[in-house]
Protein backbone atom coordinates (compact mmCIF):
# COMPACT_ATOMS: atom_id res chain seq x y z
CA UNK A 1 -36.52 -93.13 99.09
CA UNK A 2 -35.22 -91.48 102.24
CA UNK A 3 -37.46 -88.56 103.12
CA UNK A 4 -35.64 -86.13 105.43
CA UNK A 5 -36.09 -82.78 103.62
CA UNK A 6 -33.58 -80.93 105.75
CA UNK A 7 -31.00 -83.67 105.34
CA UNK A 8 -31.44 -83.71 101.57
CA UNK A 9 -31.15 -79.96 101.38
CA UNK A 10 -27.92 -79.95 103.34
CA UNK A 11 -26.42 -82.74 101.27
CA UNK A 12 -27.52 -81.08 98.04
CA UNK A 13 -25.74 -77.91 99.10
CA UNK A 14 -22.60 -79.90 99.89
CA UNK A 15 -22.74 -81.60 96.51
CA UNK A 16 -23.25 -78.30 94.67
CA UNK A 17 -20.31 -76.80 96.51
CA UNK A 18 -18.13 -79.76 95.59
CA UNK A 19 -19.09 -79.54 91.93
CA UNK A 20 -18.33 -75.83 91.79
CA UNK A 21 -14.96 -76.53 93.33
CA UNK A 22 -14.30 -79.23 90.76
CA UNK A 23 -13.81 -81.77 93.54
CA UNK A 24 -15.90 -84.69 92.32
CA UNK A 25 -14.50 -88.21 91.93
CA UNK A 26 -15.41 -91.29 89.94
CA UNK A 27 -17.47 -92.50 92.90
CA UNK A 28 -21.11 -91.66 93.45
CA UNK A 29 -22.33 -92.64 89.99
CA UNK A 30 -25.52 -91.57 88.22
CA UNK A 31 -28.71 -90.79 90.08
CA UNK A 32 -31.27 -93.58 90.26
CA UNK A 33 -34.24 -93.33 87.92
CA UNK A 34 -37.74 -93.01 89.36
CA UNK A 35 -38.70 -96.23 91.13
CA UNK A 36 -35.17 -97.62 91.26
CA UNK A 37 -33.44 -98.36 94.53
CA UNK A 38 -30.19 -96.40 94.71
CA UNK A 39 -27.28 -98.47 96.03
CA UNK A 40 -23.79 -97.16 96.72
CA UNK A 41 -21.12 -99.84 97.19
CA UNK A 42 -17.73 -99.41 98.81
CA UNK A 43 -15.69 -101.28 96.21
CA UNK A 44 -15.90 -103.69 93.28
CA UNK A 45 -16.98 -107.12 94.67
CA UNK A 46 -19.79 -105.46 96.62
CA UNK A 47 -20.79 -103.42 93.57
CA UNK A 48 -20.83 -106.56 91.40
CA UNK A 49 -22.90 -108.57 93.87
CA UNK A 50 -25.37 -105.72 94.37
CA UNK A 51 -25.82 -105.31 90.60
CA UNK A 52 -26.37 -109.06 90.14
CA UNK A 53 -28.93 -109.29 92.94
CA UNK A 54 -30.64 -105.97 92.24
CA UNK A 55 -30.91 -106.35 88.48
CA UNK A 56 -32.97 -103.72 86.70
CA UNK A 57 -34.71 -102.58 89.87
CA UNK A 58 -31.51 -101.16 91.34
CA UNK A 59 -29.03 -98.44 90.30
CA UNK A 60 -25.59 -99.35 91.67
CA UNK A 61 -22.43 -97.25 91.83
CA UNK A 62 -19.05 -97.74 93.49
CA UNK A 63 -17.16 -95.24 95.60
CA UNK A 64 -13.78 -96.73 94.64
CA UNK A 65 -12.79 -95.56 91.14
CA UNK A 66 -11.50 -98.12 88.65
CA UNK A 67 -7.77 -98.62 89.10
CA UNK A 68 -7.68 -97.26 92.66
CA UNK A 69 -6.51 -99.30 95.64
CA UNK A 70 -9.65 -99.98 97.66
CA UNK A 71 -7.86 -100.00 101.03
CA UNK A 72 -6.78 -96.38 100.48
CA UNK A 73 -10.17 -94.90 99.57
CA UNK A 74 -10.54 -91.18 100.22
CA UNK A 75 -13.97 -89.59 99.84
CA UNK A 76 -14.71 -86.31 98.11
CA UNK A 77 -17.62 -84.13 99.28
CA UNK A 78 -19.62 -85.52 96.37
CA UNK A 79 -18.94 -89.08 97.55
CA UNK A 80 -20.09 -88.16 101.06
CA UNK A 81 -23.26 -86.68 99.60
CA UNK A 82 -23.86 -89.88 97.61
CA UNK A 83 -23.53 -91.93 100.79
CA UNK A 84 -26.13 -89.77 102.49
CA UNK A 85 -28.55 -89.83 99.55
CA UNK A 86 -28.40 -93.57 98.83
CA UNK A 87 -31.27 -95.85 99.74
CA UNK A 88 -28.66 -98.45 100.65
CA UNK A 89 -24.93 -98.24 101.39
CA UNK A 90 -23.24 -101.63 100.97
CA UNK A 91 -19.84 -101.50 102.62
CA UNK A 92 -17.40 -103.60 104.63
CA UNK A 93 -16.79 -102.22 108.09
CA UNK A 94 -13.10 -101.89 108.94
CA UNK A 95 -11.89 -102.22 105.35
CA UNK A 96 -12.10 -98.59 104.24
CA UNK A 97 -11.77 -96.24 107.25
CA UNK A 98 -12.96 -93.16 105.38
CA UNK A 99 -16.15 -94.96 104.43
CA UNK A 100 -16.67 -96.18 107.99
CA UNK A 101 -16.75 -92.53 109.06
CA UNK A 102 -19.20 -91.54 106.32
CA UNK A 103 -21.43 -94.53 107.08
CA UNK A 104 -21.65 -93.48 110.72
CA UNK A 105 -22.22 -89.78 110.07
CA UNK A 106 -24.30 -89.79 106.87
CA UNK A 107 -25.89 -93.14 106.07
CA UNK A 108 -27.72 -93.99 109.29
CA UNK A 109 -30.04 -96.96 108.91
CA UNK A 110 -29.31 -97.20 105.17
CA UNK A 111 -25.79 -98.55 105.90
CA UNK A 112 -25.42 -102.32 105.54
CA UNK A 113 -22.21 -104.10 106.54
CA UNK A 114 -21.63 -107.08 104.23
CA UNK A 115 -19.17 -108.55 106.71
CA UNK A 116 -22.06 -109.65 108.91
CA UNK A 117 -23.19 -112.10 106.23
CA UNK A 118 -19.66 -113.10 105.16
CA UNK A 119 -18.75 -114.54 108.60
CA UNK A 120 -15.35 -112.86 108.76
CA UNK A 121 -12.53 -114.46 110.72
CA UNK A 122 -9.30 -113.25 112.29
CA UNK A 123 -6.16 -113.59 110.21
CA UNK A 124 -4.81 -116.30 112.52
CA UNK A 125 -7.81 -118.52 111.81
CA UNK A 126 -6.45 -119.19 108.32
CA UNK A 127 -3.15 -120.59 109.58
CA UNK A 128 -2.49 -124.32 109.57
CA UNK A 129 -1.47 -125.92 112.82
CA UNK A 130 2.14 -126.96 112.90
CA UNK A 131 3.25 -124.39 110.33
CA UNK A 132 5.74 -122.70 112.66
CA UNK A 133 7.55 -120.79 109.95
CA UNK A 134 4.38 -119.03 108.84
CA UNK A 135 3.55 -118.07 112.42
CA UNK A 136 7.02 -116.63 113.00
CA UNK A 137 6.73 -114.64 109.78
CA UNK A 138 3.37 -113.18 110.83
CA UNK A 139 4.76 -112.05 114.17
CA UNK A 140 7.86 -110.43 112.67
CA UNK A 141 6.10 -108.67 109.81
CA UNK A 142 3.75 -106.73 112.04
CA UNK A 143 6.06 -105.85 114.89
CA UNK A 144 5.10 -102.47 116.35
CA UNK A 145 1.55 -102.66 114.92
CA UNK A 146 -1.62 -104.51 115.82
CA UNK A 147 -0.72 -108.12 115.05
CA UNK A 148 -2.19 -109.29 111.74
CA UNK A 149 -3.07 -112.65 113.27
CA UNK A 150 -5.41 -110.80 115.67
CA UNK A 151 -6.91 -108.56 112.96
CA UNK A 152 -10.06 -109.45 111.07
CA UNK A 153 -9.34 -110.52 107.50
CA UNK A 154 -11.72 -108.57 105.23
CA UNK A 155 -11.00 -110.35 101.91
CA UNK A 156 -13.96 -112.75 102.10
CA UNK A 157 -14.94 -112.46 98.40
CA UNK A 158 -12.00 -114.65 97.37
CA UNK A 159 -14.05 -117.54 98.77
CA UNK A 160 -17.00 -117.69 96.34
CA UNK A 161 -19.25 -119.38 98.90
CA UNK A 162 -18.93 -116.44 101.27
CA UNK A 163 -19.79 -114.01 98.47
CA UNK A 164 -22.86 -116.14 97.75
CA UNK A 165 -23.93 -115.77 101.38
CA UNK A 166 -23.59 -112.00 101.04
CA UNK A 167 -25.76 -112.12 97.92
CA UNK A 168 -28.49 -114.01 99.78
CA UNK A 169 -28.46 -111.52 102.66
CA UNK A 170 -28.40 -108.59 100.25
CA UNK A 171 -31.56 -109.91 98.58
CA UNK A 172 -33.33 -109.79 101.95
CA UNK A 173 -32.08 -106.27 102.62
CA UNK A 174 -33.25 -105.04 99.21
CA UNK A 175 -36.62 -106.70 99.72
CA UNK A 176 -37.05 -104.70 102.92
CA UNK A 177 -36.54 -101.50 100.91
CA UNK A 178 -38.57 -102.61 97.89
CA UNK A 179 -41.13 -105.29 98.85
CA UNK A 180 -42.57 -105.38 95.33
CA UNK A 181 -39.21 -106.62 94.07
CA UNK A 182 -38.74 -109.34 96.69
CA UNK A 183 -39.32 -112.24 94.30
CA UNK A 184 -36.93 -110.72 91.74
CA UNK A 185 -34.21 -110.25 94.33
CA UNK A 186 -34.63 -113.81 95.57
CA UNK A 187 -34.41 -115.20 92.03
CA UNK A 188 -31.37 -113.09 91.20
CA UNK A 189 -29.60 -114.12 94.38
CA UNK A 190 -30.31 -117.78 93.59
CA UNK A 191 -28.82 -117.33 90.11
CA UNK A 192 -25.78 -115.61 91.63
CA UNK A 193 -25.36 -118.44 94.12
CA UNK A 194 -25.55 -121.02 91.31
CA UNK A 195 -22.79 -119.22 89.40
CA UNK A 196 -20.61 -118.93 92.49
CA UNK A 197 -21.12 -122.54 93.52
CA UNK A 198 -20.16 -123.65 90.01
CA UNK A 199 -17.02 -121.51 90.28
CA UNK A 200 -16.29 -122.99 93.70
CA UNK A 201 -16.52 -126.52 92.28
CA UNK A 202 -14.15 -125.59 89.44
CA UNK A 203 -11.58 -124.15 91.80
CA UNK A 204 -11.83 -127.07 94.21
CA UNK A 205 -11.29 -129.54 91.39
CA UNK A 206 -8.56 -127.47 89.75
CA UNK A 207 -6.50 -127.13 92.94
CA UNK A 208 -7.04 -130.65 94.28
CA UNK A 209 -3.72 -132.06 93.08
CA UNK A 210 -1.25 -129.20 93.58
CA UNK A 211 2.31 -130.30 94.29
CA UNK A 212 2.99 -127.06 96.20
CA UNK A 213 0.45 -126.00 98.83
CA UNK A 214 1.97 -122.69 99.99
CA UNK A 215 1.11 -119.39 98.29
CA UNK A 216 3.52 -116.48 98.67
CA UNK A 217 1.66 -113.29 97.75
CA UNK A 218 2.34 -109.54 97.80
CA UNK A 219 -0.04 -108.98 100.69
CA UNK A 220 -2.09 -111.23 102.92
CA UNK A 221 -5.28 -111.07 100.86
CA UNK A 222 -5.80 -114.73 100.00
CA UNK A 223 -6.48 -116.33 103.37
CA UNK A 224 -10.10 -117.23 102.64
CA UNK A 225 -9.17 -118.74 99.28
CA UNK A 226 -6.37 -120.74 100.87
CA UNK A 227 -8.60 -121.93 103.70
CA UNK A 228 -11.36 -123.00 101.31
CA UNK A 229 -9.10 -124.99 99.02
CA UNK A 230 -6.60 -126.54 101.41
CA UNK A 231 -3.66 -124.20 100.86
CA UNK A 232 -1.53 -122.01 103.12
CA UNK A 233 -0.86 -118.37 102.30
CA UNK A 234 2.18 -116.33 103.30
CA UNK A 235 1.70 -112.62 102.64
CA UNK A 236 4.86 -110.57 102.18
CA UNK A 237 2.96 -107.57 103.53
CA UNK A 238 0.10 -107.76 106.01
CA UNK A 239 -3.66 -107.63 105.57
CA UNK A 240 -3.17 -104.12 104.16
CA UNK A 241 -0.67 -103.69 101.30
CA UNK A 242 0.63 -100.54 103.00
CA UNK A 243 2.22 -102.64 105.76
CA UNK A 244 5.85 -102.90 104.72
CA UNK A 245 7.95 -105.96 105.61
CA UNK A 246 11.30 -105.67 107.36
CA UNK A 247 14.54 -106.76 105.62
CA UNK A 248 14.72 -109.71 108.02
CA UNK A 249 11.17 -110.66 107.12
CA UNK A 250 11.96 -110.59 103.41
CA UNK A 251 14.99 -112.81 103.95
CA UNK A 252 12.87 -115.24 105.97
CA UNK A 253 10.30 -115.50 103.20
CA UNK A 254 13.00 -116.05 100.57
CA UNK A 255 14.33 -118.93 102.70
CA UNK A 256 10.81 -120.32 103.07
CA UNK A 257 10.36 -120.23 99.28
CA UNK A 258 13.49 -122.29 98.79
CA UNK A 259 12.80 -124.70 101.65
CA UNK A 260 9.29 -125.56 100.47
CA UNK A 261 10.08 -125.91 96.78
CA UNK A 262 7.94 -122.93 95.83
CA UNK A 263 8.43 -121.96 92.20
CA UNK A 264 6.24 -118.84 91.96
CA UNK A 265 5.82 -115.68 94.01
CA UNK A 266 2.60 -113.81 93.22
CA UNK A 267 2.45 -110.10 92.54
CA UNK A 268 -0.95 -108.40 92.44
CA UNK A 269 -2.91 -105.94 90.39
CA UNK A 270 -3.18 -102.47 92.00
CA UNK A 271 -0.17 -103.18 94.26
CA UNK A 272 3.44 -102.21 93.50
CA UNK A 273 5.19 -105.49 92.57
CA UNK A 274 8.68 -104.37 93.65
CA UNK A 275 8.78 -106.12 97.03
CA UNK A 276 7.39 -109.41 95.71
CA UNK A 277 9.82 -109.26 92.79
CA UNK A 278 12.68 -108.76 95.25
CA UNK A 279 11.69 -111.90 97.15
CA UNK A 280 11.39 -113.89 93.93
CA UNK A 281 14.78 -112.69 92.69
CA UNK A 282 16.43 -113.50 96.03
CA UNK A 283 14.92 -117.01 96.00
CA UNK A 284 15.58 -117.58 92.30
CA UNK A 285 11.96 -118.20 91.31
CA UNK A 286 9.46 -116.69 88.88
CA UNK A 287 6.58 -114.28 89.48
CA UNK A 288 2.99 -114.35 88.26
CA UNK A 289 0.08 -111.96 88.70
CA UNK A 290 -2.73 -112.99 91.05
CA UNK A 291 -5.69 -110.62 91.27
CA UNK A 292 -7.22 -110.00 94.73
CA UNK A 293 -10.22 -108.48 92.95
CA UNK A 294 -10.43 -105.34 95.04
CA UNK A 295 -11.12 -103.47 91.80
CA UNK A 296 -11.14 -103.89 88.04
CA UNK A 297 -9.04 -101.98 85.51
CA UNK A 298 -8.63 -102.11 81.74
CA UNK A 299 -5.71 -104.45 82.41
CA UNK A 300 -7.70 -106.92 84.51
CA UNK A 301 -7.70 -110.47 83.14
CA UNK A 302 -11.47 -110.57 82.71
CA UNK A 303 -14.52 -108.35 82.54
CA UNK A 304 -16.14 -109.37 85.81
CA UNK A 305 -15.59 -111.26 89.05
CA UNK A 306 -16.24 -114.70 87.56
CA UNK A 307 -13.83 -114.23 84.66
CA UNK A 308 -11.04 -112.88 86.83
CA UNK A 309 -11.44 -115.66 89.38
CA UNK A 310 -11.16 -118.24 86.60
CA UNK A 311 -8.02 -116.52 85.39
CA UNK A 312 -6.70 -116.70 88.96
CA UNK A 313 -7.43 -120.43 88.94
CA UNK A 314 -5.35 -120.94 85.80
CA UNK A 315 -2.52 -118.87 87.29
CA UNK A 316 -2.56 -120.93 90.48
CA UNK A 317 -2.67 -124.23 88.62
CA UNK A 318 0.51 -123.32 86.79
CA UNK A 319 2.26 -121.65 89.71
CA UNK A 320 1.44 -124.37 92.26
CA UNK A 321 2.14 -127.24 89.85
CA UNK A 322 -1.39 -128.66 89.85
CA UNK A 323 -1.38 -131.53 87.34
């Protein structure tokens, strides 16, 4: 739907060059059929929401291949071309630096930052007052880097109500591009919201009576979930799984696990479990897999966002002793 002939020609040449070099990735996806709005999403939750809201009027692809860690996205020339050609780029500013660069240089007005609708907060906003141990841990873990408590937490989709808000805003954005589909987008967003609000009610009920209210996870991805459902999260690594904890930090978390009667340390899909397993072994507790839903793989415990989130609920009910 974008009409710059020169821009399309340049991007087409870049894409052709990439294909000849054999440098294409799983991102980019198939071209949209005539009349469809082409949407390129940064990673899985945005792809899923866009497909639900867009329905048959939209062709959606993801730049993050299945099984890849979304934080570490690197774009091929073909991916960059797809960003420039898309009618709409749905991304999360600050979450995938390579995509931020492509959005600025290639997407122009077609770039849409989902974080604006998700009402993102700083990492510190998730912390409970009076939880001194958690605050000390946060300071120590990110020594020498920008403090995680001052960084914006991008993982909004683990609060279903925030993902619903993104779906509503996405319907408006798609309607701007495709006015004839406005009613369809509104109806699809309403159906998405109904599903997410039902999920929210299930999680709220399922976690209402947990004996243990502290989650210890591989990285600090579950702040929005914890905030929504009255829990506290302690991430062994920071907001990015690439932030490595110090030996002193690991020992502190192991002590916290014992002091608070925590019985489960959560590893994650797409993240090396070694550090979390070390903490669990040191504290003498078990591990369980909690999925931050940054991407799906063949090993994911469900075929879509809703199924995986319900699996997460069951995992948390057992791990947090929710009778």
